[in-house]
Amino acid sequence: MSDLLTLYDQYERFSATSPDVRREELPHLIRHVDLIGHSGTVIFSRLTSECADAAIAEECRYFQSLGQELEWKAYAHDQPPDLVERLAAHGFALDETEAILVLDVQNPPAALLAPTPNVKRLHQVDELRDVSAIKHKLGDNRPFERLAYELERAPDYLSVYVVYAGDLAAGCGWIRFPKASPFASLWGGATLPALRNRGFYTALLAARVQEARVRGWRYVTIDASHMSRPIVEKRGFRLLTYATACNWHG
């Protein structure tokens, strides 16, 4: 897995970009400046114990000057080993550590190749109302303007799916396809609590994996919470590393 982790760092972190950010490369890190919202990111860093604290302080000053909050995505194999603790000492709030898992879509389990007739891919911005309805019921009241922006400006980059129980939107999830990368990435997977354990999450997973397979992507990744990790591992995903989103609000 070490070679795959190196590949992941190169494409999903160091050289990664997206339609809604401006990538800025510094000698020791890669930052993404938010072009449509107010939350920048440090997606990759290669620091030492001697320079880490100064680099963290500088990134806080930089994003504060832009009027943006900052998410620093710290991975378990990043240096220095105590990077997360240093970020916390600088006032960053720590999210739950997530497992980064990967699936080789050239050889997925049979369950992810099954037909998904109850899953619909959304093509119009106004169709995102079903995503908003699902997330609202789960306590997430964001307007999802980033999804709308990507869906409208870069439809080849983003695919959004909703799974239905009859006419009811039961769950949702999306997948992003970065150019020149062997990795597509899964995001936002969720099912309404009353409709869980009925195969809806797996159907959403299958629809997105099948699209990645058809479009020629080699791997699919997911930042898995403690809830989703057992499900995706059961479907063939393997652990690659761990990551902690560290958030600074100025």
Protein backbone atom coordinates (compact mmCIF):
# COMPACT_ATOMS: atom_id res chain seq x y z
CA MET A 1 0.00 0.00 0.00
CA SER A 2 2.99 2.35 0.35
CA ASP A 3 3.18 2.90 -3.42
CA LEU A 4 -0.55 3.59 -3.52
CA LEU A 5 -0.25 6.07 -0.65
CA THR A 6 2.51 7.90 -2.55
CA LEU A 7 0.24 8.03 -5.59
CA TYR A 8 -2.62 9.33 -3.44
CA ASP A 9 -0.46 12.08 -1.94
CA GLN A 10 0.65 13.16 -5.40
CA TYR A 11 -2.75 13.34 -7.09
CA GLU A 12 -5.26 13.85 -4.30
CA ARG A 13 -3.19 16.29 -2.28
CA PHE A 14 -0.10 17.83 -3.87
CA SER A 15 -1.38 18.42 -7.41
CA ALA A 16 -5.11 18.40 -6.61
CA THR A 17 -7.34 21.27 -7.60
CA SER A 18 -11.03 21.88 -8.29
CA PRO A 19 -13.20 24.45 -10.11
CA ASP A 20 -14.05 26.33 -6.91
CA VAL A 21 -10.53 26.95 -5.57
CA ARG A 22 -7.24 28.59 -6.51
CA ARG A 23 -4.25 26.33 -5.89
CA GLU A 24 -1.19 28.03 -4.43
CA GLU A 25 2.09 26.13 -4.13
CA LEU A 26 4.61 27.06 -1.44
CA PRO A 27 7.92 25.31 -0.76
CA HIS A 28 6.52 23.37 2.17
CA LEU A 29 2.76 23.17 1.57
CA ILE A 30 -0.15 23.47 -0.87
CA ARG A 31 -3.05 25.77 -0.04
CA HIS A 32 -6.43 26.13 -1.72
CA VAL A 33 -8.05 29.56 -1.64
CA ASP A 34 -11.84 29.39 -1.77
CA LEU A 35 -13.27 31.18 -4.82
CA ILE A 36 -16.96 30.94 -3.96
CA GLY A 37 -17.12 30.77 -0.16
CA HIS A 38 -15.11 31.60 2.92
CA SER A 39 -13.21 28.43 3.84
CA GLY A 40 -9.69 27.86 2.53
CA THR A 41 -7.70 24.67 2.92
CA VAL A 42 -4.17 23.46 3.46
CA ILE A 43 -4.40 20.14 1.63
CA PHE A 44 -0.74 19.07 1.70
CA SER A 45 2.23 19.89 3.89
CA ARG A 46 5.74 18.65 4.37
CA LEU A 47 7.05 20.37 7.48
CA THR A 48 9.74 19.85 10.09
CA SER A 49 9.61 20.28 13.84
CA GLU A 50 11.68 23.43 13.44
CA CYS A 51 9.40 25.19 10.91
CA ALA A 52 5.94 23.78 11.68
CA ASP A 53 4.73 26.35 14.19
CA ALA A 54 5.87 29.28 12.07
CA ALA A 55 4.16 27.79 9.00
CA ILE A 56 0.90 27.27 10.90
CA ALA A 57 0.93 30.84 12.20
CA GLU A 58 1.66 32.19 8.71
CA GLU A 59 -1.25 30.28 7.15
CA CYS A 60 -3.61 31.61 9.82
CA ARG A 61 -2.44 35.17 9.08
CA TYR A 62 -2.76 34.63 5.33
CA PHE A 63 -6.29 33.28 5.36
CA GLN A 64 -7.36 35.86 7.93
CA SER A 65 -6.15 38.54 5.51
CA LEU A 66 -8.47 37.02 2.89
CA GLY A 67 -11.41 36.89 5.30
CA GLN A 68 -11.47 33.11 5.12
CA GLU A 69 -11.56 30.37 7.70
CA LEU A 70 -9.00 27.59 7.34
CA GLU A 71 -9.25 23.82 7.28
CA TRP A 72 -5.88 22.10 7.60
CA LYS A 73 -6.21 18.47 6.52
CA ALA A 74 -3.61 16.59 8.56
CA TYR A 75 -2.82 12.99 7.60
CA ALA A 76 -1.41 10.30 9.87
CA HIS A 77 1.81 10.03 7.84
CA ASP A 78 2.43 13.80 7.68
CA GLN A 79 5.45 15.34 9.33
CA PRO A 80 6.11 16.32 11.99
CA PRO A 81 4.37 13.43 13.81
CA ASP A 82 2.72 15.82 16.27
CA LEU A 83 1.23 18.08 13.57
CA VAL A 84 -2.35 17.67 14.84
CA GLU A 85 -1.31 18.56 18.38
CA ARG A 86 0.52 21.65 17.11
CA LEU A 87 -2.54 22.75 15.15
CA ALA A 88 -4.69 22.34 18.26
CA ALA A 89 -2.22 24.47 20.22
CA HIS A 90 -2.69 27.22 17.61
CA GLY A 91 -6.45 27.24 18.21
CA PHE A 92 -7.64 24.75 15.59
CA ALA A 93 -10.71 22.69 16.46
CA LEU A 94 -10.31 19.00 15.62
CA ASP A 95 -12.95 17.01 13.76
CA GLU A 96 -13.36 13.27 14.16
CA THR A 97 -10.42 11.45 12.61
CA GLU A 98 -11.58 9.69 9.45
CA ALA A 99 -10.24 6.62 7.69
CA ILE A 100 -9.11 7.14 4.09
CA LEU A 101 -10.10 4.02 2.18
CA VAL A 102 -9.58 3.05 -1.45
CA LEU A 103 -11.19 0.65 -3.91
CA ASP A 104 -9.67 -0.63 -7.15
CA VAL A 105 -12.65 -0.29 -9.50
CA GLN A 106 -11.15 -2.71 -12.00
CA ASN A 107 -11.99 -5.53 -9.60
CA PRO A 108 -14.92 -4.50 -7.37
CA PRO A 109 -17.13 -6.98 -5.50
CA ALA A 110 -20.23 -8.19 -7.30
CA ALA A 111 -22.53 -6.17 -5.02
CA LEU A 112 -21.13 -2.94 -6.50
CA LEU A 113 -21.85 -4.08 -10.06
CA ALA A 114 -25.53 -4.82 -9.44
CA PRO A 115 -28.19 -2.68 -11.17
CA THR A 116 -29.40 0.37 -9.19
CA PRO A 117 -32.81 1.25 -10.66
CA ASN A 118 -33.85 3.29 -7.61
CA VAL A 119 -30.83 5.60 -7.88
CA LYS A 120 -31.02 8.77 -9.98
CA ARG A 121 -28.20 11.00 -11.12
CA LEU A 122 -29.09 14.69 -10.88
CA HIS A 123 -28.32 16.97 -13.81
CA GLN A 124 -30.01 20.27 -12.95
CA VAL A 125 -29.29 22.62 -10.07
CA ASP A 126 -32.95 22.76 -9.04
CA GLU A 127 -32.88 18.98 -8.51
CA LEU A 128 -30.56 19.54 -5.56
CA ARG A 129 -33.68 20.26 -3.52
CA ASP A 130 -33.86 16.52 -2.81
CA VAL A 131 -30.30 16.59 -1.47
CA SER A 132 -31.17 19.60 0.69
CA ALA A 133 -34.30 17.84 1.99
CA ILE A 134 -32.32 14.76 3.00
CA LYS A 135 -29.54 16.71 4.66
CA HIS A 136 -32.03 19.00 6.43
CA LYS A 137 -33.65 15.95 8.02
CA LEU A 138 -30.18 14.91 9.17
CA GLY A 139 -29.54 18.29 10.79
CA ASP A 140 -27.42 19.80 8.00
CA ASN A 141 -28.99 23.08 6.91
CA ARG A 142 -26.30 24.32 4.52
CA PRO A 143 -27.56 25.72 1.19
CA PHE A 144 -25.12 23.54 -0.83
CA GLU A 145 -24.09 26.40 -3.09
CA ARG A 146 -20.78 24.63 -3.74
CA LEU A 147 -22.57 21.62 -5.21
CA ALA A 148 -24.71 23.93 -7.31
CA TYR A 149 -21.63 25.79 -8.55
CA GLU A 150 -19.81 22.58 -9.52
CA LEU A 151 -22.89 20.99 -11.07
CA GLU A 152 -23.51 24.05 -13.23
CA ARG A 153 -19.91 25.01 -14.08
CA ALA A 154 -18.20 21.62 -14.19
CA PRO A 155 -20.70 18.79 -14.78
CA ASP A 156 -17.92 16.40 -15.87
CA TYR A 157 -16.20 16.95 -12.52
CA LEU A 158 -19.19 16.27 -10.24
CA SER A 159 -21.96 13.67 -10.27
CA VAL A 160 -24.70 13.86 -7.64
CA TYR A 161 -26.97 10.90 -6.90
CA VAL A 162 -30.18 10.40 -4.93
CA VAL A 163 -31.70 7.02 -4.02
CA TYR A 164 -35.48 6.81 -3.71
CA ALA A 165 -37.89 4.68 -1.71
CA GLY A 166 -40.88 5.04 -4.01
CA ASP A 167 -41.25 8.82 -4.40
CA LEU A 168 -39.35 9.61 -1.21
CA ALA A 169 -35.74 10.77 -1.43
CA ALA A 170 -34.09 8.29 0.95
CA GLY A 171 -30.40 9.07 0.61
CA CYS A 172 -27.81 10.94 -1.38
CA GLY A 173 -24.13 11.03 -2.26
CA TRP A 174 -21.79 12.51 -4.84
CA ILE A 175 -18.54 11.70 -6.59
CA ARG A 176 -15.84 14.00 -7.95
CA PHE A 177 -13.62 13.25 -10.94
CA PRO A 178 -10.41 15.34 -10.88
CA LYS A 179 -8.70 15.66 -14.23
CA ALA A 180 -5.42 13.81 -14.75
CA SER A 181 -5.88 11.80 -11.56
CA PRO A 182 -6.42 8.04 -11.21
CA PHE A 183 -8.60 8.72 -8.15
CA ALA A 184 -12.28 9.64 -8.07
CA SER A 185 -13.58 10.55 -4.62
CA LEU A 186 -16.86 9.82 -2.82
CA TRP A 187 -18.56 12.46 -0.66
CA GLY A 188 -21.78 13.18 1.17
CA GLY A 189 -23.12 9.64 1.44
CA ALA A 190 -26.11 9.56 3.79
CA THR A 191 -29.41 7.73 4.29
CA LEU A 192 -32.39 8.82 6.36
CA PRO A 193 -32.34 6.98 9.72
CA ALA A 194 -35.78 5.41 9.27
CA LEU A 195 -34.70 3.91 5.95
CA ARG A 196 -31.31 2.49 6.90
CA ASN A 197 -30.40 -1.20 6.62
CA ARG A 198 -32.38 -1.54 3.40
CA GLY A 199 -29.48 -1.41 0.95
CA PHE A 200 -29.87 2.25 -0.02
CA TYR A 201 -26.35 3.26 1.01
CA THR A 202 -24.88 0.34 -0.95
CA ALA A 203 -26.98 1.28 -3.98
CA LEU A 204 -25.57 4.82 -3.88
CA LEU A 205 -22.10 3.38 -3.51
CA ALA A 206 -22.64 1.05 -6.46
CA ALA A 207 -23.98 3.77 -8.77
CA ARG A 208 -20.94 5.95 -8.17
CA VAL A 209 -18.41 3.13 -8.46
CA GLN A 210 -20.03 2.01 -11.70
CA GLU A 211 -19.73 5.50 -13.15
CA ALA A 212 -16.05 5.66 -12.19
CA ARG A 213 -15.51 2.26 -13.80
CA VAL A 214 -17.26 3.24 -17.03
CA ARG A 215 -15.34 6.51 -17.25
CA GLY A 216 -12.00 4.77 -16.85
CA TRP A 217 -10.93 5.82 -13.37
CA ARG A 218 -8.70 3.27 -11.62
CA TYR A 219 -9.48 4.01 -7.97
CA VAL A 220 -12.27 5.41 -5.82
CA THR A 221 -11.51 6.88 -2.40
CA ILE A 222 -13.66 7.82 0.55
CA ASP A 223 -13.03 9.72 3.79
CA ALA A 224 -15.00 7.35 5.99
CA SER A 225 -16.50 8.11 9.39
CA HIS A 226 -16.89 5.43 12.04
CA MET A 227 -20.42 4.83 10.70
CA SER A 228 -19.58 4.41 7.02
CA ARG A 229 -16.26 2.61 7.37
CA PRO A 230 -17.69 -0.87 8.19
CA ILE A 231 -20.08 -0.60 5.25
CA VAL A 232 -17.48 0.31 2.65
CA GLU A 233 -14.92 -2.15 4.00
CA LYS A 234 -17.54 -4.86 3.59
CA ARG A 235 -17.74 -3.74 -0.05
CA GLY A 236 -14.04 -4.13 -0.75
CA PHE A 237 -12.53 -0.78 0.28
CA ARG A 238 -9.09 -1.00 1.94
CA LEU A 239 -7.54 1.28 4.52
CA LEU A 240 -4.95 3.68 3.10
CA THR A 241 -4.34 6.14 5.95
CA TYR A 242 -6.13 8.39 8.44
CA ALA A 243 -6.88 12.11 8.26
CA THR A 244 -8.08 14.76 10.70
CA ALA A 245 -9.71 17.99 9.56
CA CYS A 246 -8.43 20.78 11.81
CA ASN A 247 -10.51 23.96 11.63
CA TRP A 248 -9.45 27.51 12.43
CA HIS A 249 -12.10 30.22 12.59
CA GLY A 250 -9.95 33.26 13.14
